[in-house]
Protein backbone atom coordinates (compact mmCIF):
# COMPACT_ATOMS: atom_id res chain seq x y z
CA UNK A 1 -59.23 -101.68 10.93
CA UNK A 2 -59.73 -97.89 10.94
CA UNK A 3 -56.67 -95.81 10.12
CA UNK A 4 -56.04 -92.75 12.29
CA UNK A 5 -56.75 -89.37 10.68
CA UNK A 6 -53.69 -87.64 9.34
CA UNK A 7 -53.12 -83.88 9.63
CA UNK A 8 -50.96 -81.77 7.43
CA UNK A 9 -48.18 -79.73 8.94
CA UNK A 10 -50.15 -76.59 8.32
CA UNK A 11 -53.35 -77.76 9.87
CA UNK A 12 -54.22 -77.32 13.50
CA UNK A 13 -56.98 -78.44 15.65
CA UNK A 14 -59.68 -75.82 15.61
CA UNK A 15 -60.10 -74.36 19.03
CA UNK A 16 -63.38 -74.79 20.63
CA UNK A 17 -65.63 -71.77 20.21
CA UNK A 18 -66.47 -70.02 23.38
CA UNK A 19 -69.62 -68.30 24.05
CA UNK A 20 -70.26 -65.35 21.81
CA UNK A 21 -70.67 -63.11 24.76
CA UNK A 22 -67.18 -64.00 25.98
CA UNK A 23 -65.64 -63.49 22.49
CA UNK A 24 -67.14 -60.03 22.11
CA UNK A 25 -66.45 -58.70 25.59
CA UNK A 26 -63.01 -60.24 26.24
CA UNK A 27 -61.08 -60.79 23.03
CA UNK A 28 -58.07 -62.96 23.31
CA UNK A 29 -54.76 -61.17 23.60
CA UNK A 30 -53.47 -63.23 20.76
CA UNK A 31 -56.23 -62.12 18.40
CA UNK A 32 -55.42 -59.72 15.51
CA UNK A 33 -57.65 -56.97 16.93
CA UNK A 34 -55.89 -57.08 20.27
CA UNK A 35 -52.52 -56.86 18.59
CA UNK A 36 -53.62 -53.84 16.53
CA UNK A 37 -54.91 -52.08 19.63
CA UNK A 38 -51.59 -52.71 21.35
CA UNK A 39 -49.66 -51.22 18.39
CA UNK A 40 -51.82 -48.10 18.31
CA UNK A 41 -51.37 -47.63 22.03
CA UNK A 42 -47.62 -47.92 21.64
CA UNK A 43 -47.33 -45.11 19.03
CA UNK A 44 -50.05 -42.74 20.32
CA UNK A 45 -48.67 -39.36 21.64
CA UNK A 46 -48.60 -38.72 25.25
CA UNK A 47 -51.13 -36.28 26.61
CA UNK A 48 -49.83 -32.60 26.47
CA UNK A 49 -49.31 -30.68 29.66
CA UNK A 50 -51.16 -27.51 30.58
CA UNK A 51 -48.07 -25.33 29.88
CA UNK A 52 -47.53 -26.91 26.46
CA UNK A 53 -51.12 -26.19 25.54
CA UNK A 54 -50.74 -22.54 26.67
CA UNK A 55 -47.51 -21.91 24.71
CA UNK A 56 -49.15 -23.07 21.49
CA UNK A 57 -52.38 -21.17 22.03
CA UNK A 58 -53.29 -18.12 19.84
CA UNK A 59 -52.96 -15.82 22.83
CA UNK A 60 -49.36 -16.90 23.47
CA UNK A 61 -48.50 -16.48 19.79
CA UNK A 62 -49.90 -12.93 19.89
CA UNK A 63 -47.78 -12.09 22.92
CA UNK A 64 -44.66 -13.45 21.20
CA UNK A 65 -45.37 -11.32 18.12
CA UNK A 66 -45.87 -8.20 20.26
CA UNK A 67 -42.61 -8.81 22.11
CA UNK A 68 -40.62 -9.23 18.89
CA UNK A 69 -42.13 -6.03 17.47
CA UNK A 70 -41.29 -4.09 20.64
CA UNK A 71 -37.70 -5.35 20.56
CA UNK A 72 -37.31 -4.25 16.94
CA UNK A 73 -38.69 -0.81 17.74
CA UNK A 74 -36.29 -0.39 20.66
CA UNK A 75 -33.41 -1.33 18.41
CA UNK A 76 -34.30 1.51 16.03
CA UNK A 77 -35.25 4.24 18.52
CA UNK A 78 -32.79 3.77 21.35
CA UNK A 79 -29.08 4.66 21.15
CA UNK A 80 -26.72 1.72 20.62
CA UNK A 81 -25.71 1.71 24.32
CA UNK A 82 -29.32 0.98 25.36
CA UNK A 83 -30.40 -1.54 22.75
CA UNK A 84 -28.96 -4.52 24.69
CA UNK A 85 -27.30 -5.96 21.63
CA UNK A 86 -30.19 -5.33 19.25
CA UNK A 87 -29.04 -3.91 15.91
CA UNK A 88 -31.22 -1.44 13.99
CA UNK A 89 -32.22 -2.27 10.48
CA UNK A 90 -29.65 -1.18 7.93
CA UNK A 91 -30.46 2.15 6.24
CA UNK A 92 -29.75 2.96 2.63
CA UNK A 93 -26.60 5.00 2.16
CA UNK A 94 -27.27 8.43 0.63
CA UNK A 95 -25.43 9.06 -2.62
CA UNK A 96 -24.34 12.19 -4.47
CA UNK A 97 -27.35 11.73 -6.74
CA UNK A 98 -29.66 12.04 -3.72
CA UNK A 99 -28.01 15.31 -2.64
CA UNK A 100 -28.09 16.71 -6.18
CA UNK A 101 -31.78 15.86 -6.51
CA UNK A 102 -32.58 17.53 -3.16
CA UNK A 103 -30.69 20.70 -4.12
CA UNK A 104 -32.35 20.82 -7.53
CA UNK A 105 -35.79 20.41 -5.97
CA UNK A 106 -35.08 23.25 -3.53
CA UNK A 107 -33.93 25.53 -6.34
CA UNK A 108 -37.03 24.73 -8.36
CA UNK A 109 -39.52 25.21 -5.55
CA UNK A 110 -38.00 28.06 -3.48
CA UNK A 111 -36.99 31.52 -4.61
CA UNK A 112 -33.50 32.18 -3.28
CA UNK A 113 -32.38 35.71 -2.28
CA UNK A 114 -30.08 37.50 -4.72
CA UNK A 115 -26.38 37.99 -4.00
CA UNK A 116 -27.00 41.68 -3.36
CA UNK A 117 -29.74 40.85 -0.85
CA UNK A 118 -27.44 38.43 1.00
CA UNK A 119 -24.64 41.01 1.03
CA UNK A 120 -26.96 43.64 2.49
CA UNK A 121 -28.18 41.19 5.11
CA UNK A 122 -24.58 40.83 6.32
CA UNK A 123 -23.98 44.58 6.63
CA UNK A 124 -27.36 46.05 7.54
CA UNK A 125 -26.94 45.97 11.34
CA UNK A 126 -23.60 47.80 11.07
CA UNK A 127 -24.87 50.79 9.05
CA UNK A 128 -25.90 53.97 10.92
CA UNK A 129 -27.44 57.30 9.99
CA UNK A 130 -25.24 60.26 10.93
CA UNK A 131 -26.67 63.74 11.56
CA UNK A 132 -24.75 66.94 12.25
CA UNK A 133 -26.50 69.77 14.13
CA UNK A 134 -25.79 73.47 14.46
CA UNK A 135 -27.01 75.99 16.97
CA UNK A 136 -30.46 77.43 16.57
CA UNK A 137 -31.24 81.04 15.88
CA UNK A 138 -31.36 81.76 19.59
CA UNK A 139 -30.69 80.02 22.85
CA UNK A 140 -34.26 78.79 23.18
CA UNK A 141 -34.57 77.25 19.72
CA UNK A 142 -33.66 73.63 19.01
CA UNK A 143 -30.47 72.78 17.16
CA UNK A 144 -30.90 72.73 13.39
CA UNK A 145 -29.85 69.83 11.22
CA UNK A 146 -26.94 70.89 9.05
CA UNK A 147 -26.32 67.64 7.18
CA UNK A 148 -27.07 63.96 7.01
CA UNK A 149 -24.78 61.16 6.00
CA UNK A 150 -23.96 57.54 6.68
CA UNK A 151 -21.54 55.68 8.90
CA UNK A 152 -20.46 52.08 9.43
CA UNK A 153 -19.62 50.42 12.76
CA UNK A 154 -16.08 49.02 12.71
CA UNK A 155 -15.75 48.20 16.44
CA UNK A 156 -18.71 46.78 18.38
CA UNK A 157 -18.06 49.24 21.25
CA UNK A 158 -19.61 51.97 19.09
CA UNK A 159 -16.64 53.11 16.95
CA UNK A 160 -17.97 54.39 13.64
CA UNK A 161 -16.30 55.45 10.37
CA UNK A 162 -17.84 58.25 8.28
CA UNK A 163 -16.77 61.15 6.06
CA UNK A 164 -15.22 64.17 7.65
CA UNK A 165 -17.29 66.55 5.53
CA UNK A 166 -20.49 65.03 7.02
CA UNK A 167 -19.65 66.11 10.58
CA UNK A 168 -17.15 68.92 10.07
CA UNK A 169 -18.30 72.12 11.75
CA UNK A 170 -21.22 70.48 13.55
CA UNK A 171 -21.92 71.60 17.11
CA UNK A 172 -23.36 68.21 17.97
CA UNK A 173 -23.61 64.81 16.29
CA UNK A 174 -26.18 62.06 16.61
CA UNK A 175 -26.10 58.56 15.19
CA UNK A 176 -29.07 56.26 14.71
CA UNK A 177 -28.53 52.49 14.75
CA UNK A 178 -30.52 49.91 12.79
CA UNK A 179 -32.34 48.98 16.01
CA UNK A 180 -33.76 52.53 16.19
CA UNK A 181 -31.57 53.58 19.12
CA UNK A 182 -30.36 57.19 18.73
CA UNK A 183 -27.22 58.26 20.54
CA UNK A 184 -24.99 61.35 20.79
CA UNK A 185 -21.55 60.84 19.28
CA UNK A 186 -18.21 62.65 19.37
CA UNK A 187 -15.29 62.83 16.95
CA UNK A 188 -12.33 60.86 18.30
CA UNK A 189 -10.17 60.84 15.18
CA UNK A 190 -9.82 62.32 11.71
CA UNK A 191 -7.87 61.81 8.48
CA UNK A 192 -8.49 64.96 6.42
CA UNK A 193 -6.44 63.82 3.41
CA UNK A 194 -8.90 60.95 2.92
CA UNK A 195 -12.00 62.83 4.15
CA UNK A 196 -12.43 60.38 7.04
CA UNK A 197 -13.73 60.88 10.58
CA UNK A 198 -13.93 58.41 13.46
CA UNK A 199 -16.90 58.73 15.83
CA UNK A 200 -17.62 57.24 19.23
CA UNK A 201 -21.27 56.69 20.14
CA UNK A 202 -22.14 57.24 23.79
CA UNK A 203 -24.82 54.54 23.81
CA UNK A 204 -24.86 51.34 21.77
CA UNK A 205 -27.35 48.49 21.32
CA UNK A 206 -26.61 45.33 23.30
CA UNK A 207 -26.30 43.23 20.15
CA UNK A 208 -24.33 45.73 18.04
CA UNK A 209 -22.38 44.04 15.26
CA UNK A 210 -19.24 45.44 13.66
CA UNK A 211 -18.78 45.18 9.91
CA UNK A 212 -16.21 42.80 8.44
CA UNK A 213 -13.46 44.61 6.52
CA UNK A 214 -11.62 43.07 3.58
CA UNK A 215 -8.45 43.98 1.72
CA UNK A 216 -8.75 45.63 -1.68
CA UNK A 217 -5.64 43.83 -2.92
CA UNK A 218 -7.57 41.34 -5.03
CA UNK A 219 -10.30 43.67 -6.27
CA UNK A 220 -10.73 43.84 -10.02
CA UNK A 221 -12.70 46.02 -12.39
CA UNK A 222 -16.02 44.32 -12.95
CA UNK A 223 -16.37 42.90 -9.43
CA UNK A 224 -19.90 43.42 -8.15
CA UNK A 225 -20.50 45.66 -5.13
CA UNK A 226 -23.32 47.39 -3.28
CA UNK A 227 -23.39 50.84 -1.73
CA UNK A 228 -25.48 51.23 1.44
CA UNK A 229 -26.50 54.58 2.88
CA UNK A 230 -29.08 57.32 3.34
CA UNK A 231 -29.25 59.26 0.04
CA UNK A 232 -31.06 62.55 0.72
CA UNK A 233 -31.78 61.11 4.17
CA UNK A 234 -33.83 58.21 2.77
CA UNK A 235 -32.92 54.75 3.86
CA UNK A 236 -31.11 52.73 4.56
CA UNK A 237 -30.98 52.32 0.77
CA UNK A 238 -29.10 49.75 -1.28
CA UNK A 239 -27.76 50.20 -4.81
CA UNK A 240 -25.85 47.62 -6.82
CA UNK A 241 -23.08 48.05 -9.36
CA UNK A 242 -19.53 47.06 -10.22
CA UNK A 243 -16.01 48.25 -9.57
CA UNK A 244 -15.25 50.53 -12.51
CA UNK A 245 -11.58 51.13 -11.76
CA UNK A 246 -8.89 51.33 -9.09
CA UNK A 247 -6.29 53.94 -8.01
CA UNK A 248 -8.36 56.85 -9.30
CA UNK A 249 -7.84 60.54 -8.46
CA UNK A 250 -10.55 63.04 -7.58
CA UNK A 251 -10.40 66.79 -7.00
CA UNK A 252 -13.10 68.37 -4.88
CA UNK A 253 -15.57 70.67 -6.71
CA UNK A 254 -13.91 73.80 -5.36
CA UNK A 255 -10.47 72.45 -6.19
CA UNK A 256 -9.23 72.63 -2.64
CA UNK A 257 -8.38 68.96 -2.21
CA UNK A 258 -6.97 66.24 -4.44
CA UNK A 259 -7.66 62.68 -3.35
CA UNK A 260 -5.88 59.69 -4.84
CA UNK A 261 -5.88 55.90 -4.71
CA UNK A 262 -9.69 55.86 -4.84
CA UNK A 263 -12.03 53.04 -5.88
CA UNK A 264 -14.29 54.03 -8.74
CA UNK A 265 -17.71 52.34 -8.82
CA UNK A 266 -21.01 52.77 -10.65
CA UNK A 267 -23.54 51.81 -7.94
CA UNK A 268 -25.87 54.77 -7.46
CA UNK A 269 -24.66 57.18 -4.77
CA UNK A 270 -26.11 60.58 -3.89
CA UNK A 271 -25.67 63.17 -1.12
CA UNK A 272 -26.37 61.29 2.08
CA UNK A 273 -24.45 58.17 0.91
CA UNK A 274 -21.25 59.86 2.06
CA UNK A 275 -19.52 57.84 4.75
CA UNK A 276 -21.42 54.65 3.91
CA UNK A 277 -19.80 51.30 3.16
CA UNK A 278 -18.93 49.91 -0.27
CA UNK A 279 -19.56 46.19 0.15
CA UNK A 280 -18.64 43.05 -1.81
CA UNK A 281 -21.10 40.26 -2.55
CA UNK A 282 -19.66 38.46 0.49
CA UNK A 283 -20.88 41.28 2.73
CA UNK A 284 -17.39 42.64 3.44
CA UNK A 285 -16.46 46.33 3.42
CA UNK A 286 -13.79 47.36 0.90
CA UNK A 287 -14.29 51.13 0.95
CA UNK A 288 -15.99 54.19 2.41
CA UNK A 289 -18.09 56.16 -0.08
CA UNK A 290 -16.74 59.69 -0.17
CA UNK A 291 -17.58 61.55 -3.38
CA UNK A 292 -19.54 61.63 -6.61
CA UNK A 293 -18.41 63.12 -9.88
CA UNK A 294 -21.10 65.62 -10.80
CA UNK A 295 -20.17 68.98 -9.35
CA UNK A 296 -22.91 70.94 -11.10
CA UNK A 297 -26.09 69.27 -9.83
CA UNK A 298 -24.55 67.09 -7.07
CA UNK A 299 -26.60 64.11 -8.19
CA UNK A 300 -25.30 60.77 -9.33
CA UNK A 301 -24.57 60.27 -13.01
CA UNK A 302 -22.74 56.96 -12.84
CA UNK A 303 -19.38 57.70 -11.23
CA UNK A 304 -18.73 57.44 -7.52
CA UNK A 305 -15.56 57.18 -5.45
CA UNK A 306 -14.70 55.38 -2.26
CA UNK A 307 -11.67 55.51 0.03
CA UNK A 308 -10.03 52.04 0.22
CA UNK A 309 -10.62 50.31 3.52
CA UNK A 310 -6.86 50.15 4.15
CA UNK A 311 -6.83 53.94 4.56
CA UNK A 312 -9.98 53.82 6.66
CA UNK A 313 -8.54 51.15 8.96
CA UNK A 314 -5.45 53.25 9.57
CA UNK A 315 -7.69 56.18 10.56
CA UNK A 316 -9.17 54.00 13.32
CA UNK A 317 -5.72 52.91 14.41
CA UNK A 318 -6.05 49.37 13.08
CA UNK A 319 -3.25 47.73 11.16
CA UNK A 320 -3.64 47.75 7.36
CA UNK A 321 -4.41 44.43 5.73
């Protein structure tokens, strides 16, 4: 008697093989290849949309970069109220070392004007040439020049200080401003004891500047000064020196007048400097040049005198410092 065939628990009946054409064209869903295809399909990304493709394109990236650059530029160039919240890039804070280096470089590469040149630049537009004229030989002849001196504008309306001996006895007076304008002038005040005269010009330049006056209270021997004027009619000329002394006395060559409380200085002064300003290195007037000590030749030998500006201010009617 034939015993029935026994199968192990792991064995199965082999399925009948279908036609090869069916196996190749329609694989069974339960086959390994079908399962693998199903897994791949499950994890494959979904197709991107047209907008997604555009945002990741090189052209879109270029536009984004341009926009960010433009925003940064607006943040730097526009005032804070127009930057719409954009903050400019932080700038390095300048230090004292940076300022010192810049100043040093300027001093090394640029020639700076001297103190005397800066002082003259302050006073130059206030200095005038003063001429006194006498009558000619006859009625038809022109007036003759009797003397030339210097004056300084102390009020921008054309009020000028000069020496009395420059204009004393003149039939007519003319003043010439730094602009070249020449104007008749008249004496409106005098202080004979200090050899001072106050003139009023009939015409003045539109931009006339008055000199700045400074008290002599803190002047010391050795302080540097300049004298500005028209020595022998040449100028305006500038000479530099120092204060040699204070409260000096001077007697006129003919002994007729004794002047006191004068400023002695050694900046060169000659006939024609009379009435001109004695100026500090700050460009401020401290005196009116009035005399030189050299009665024989009347040329400068190192000693000049100036009336303190306090006396000159009182001659104009201004309060002393």
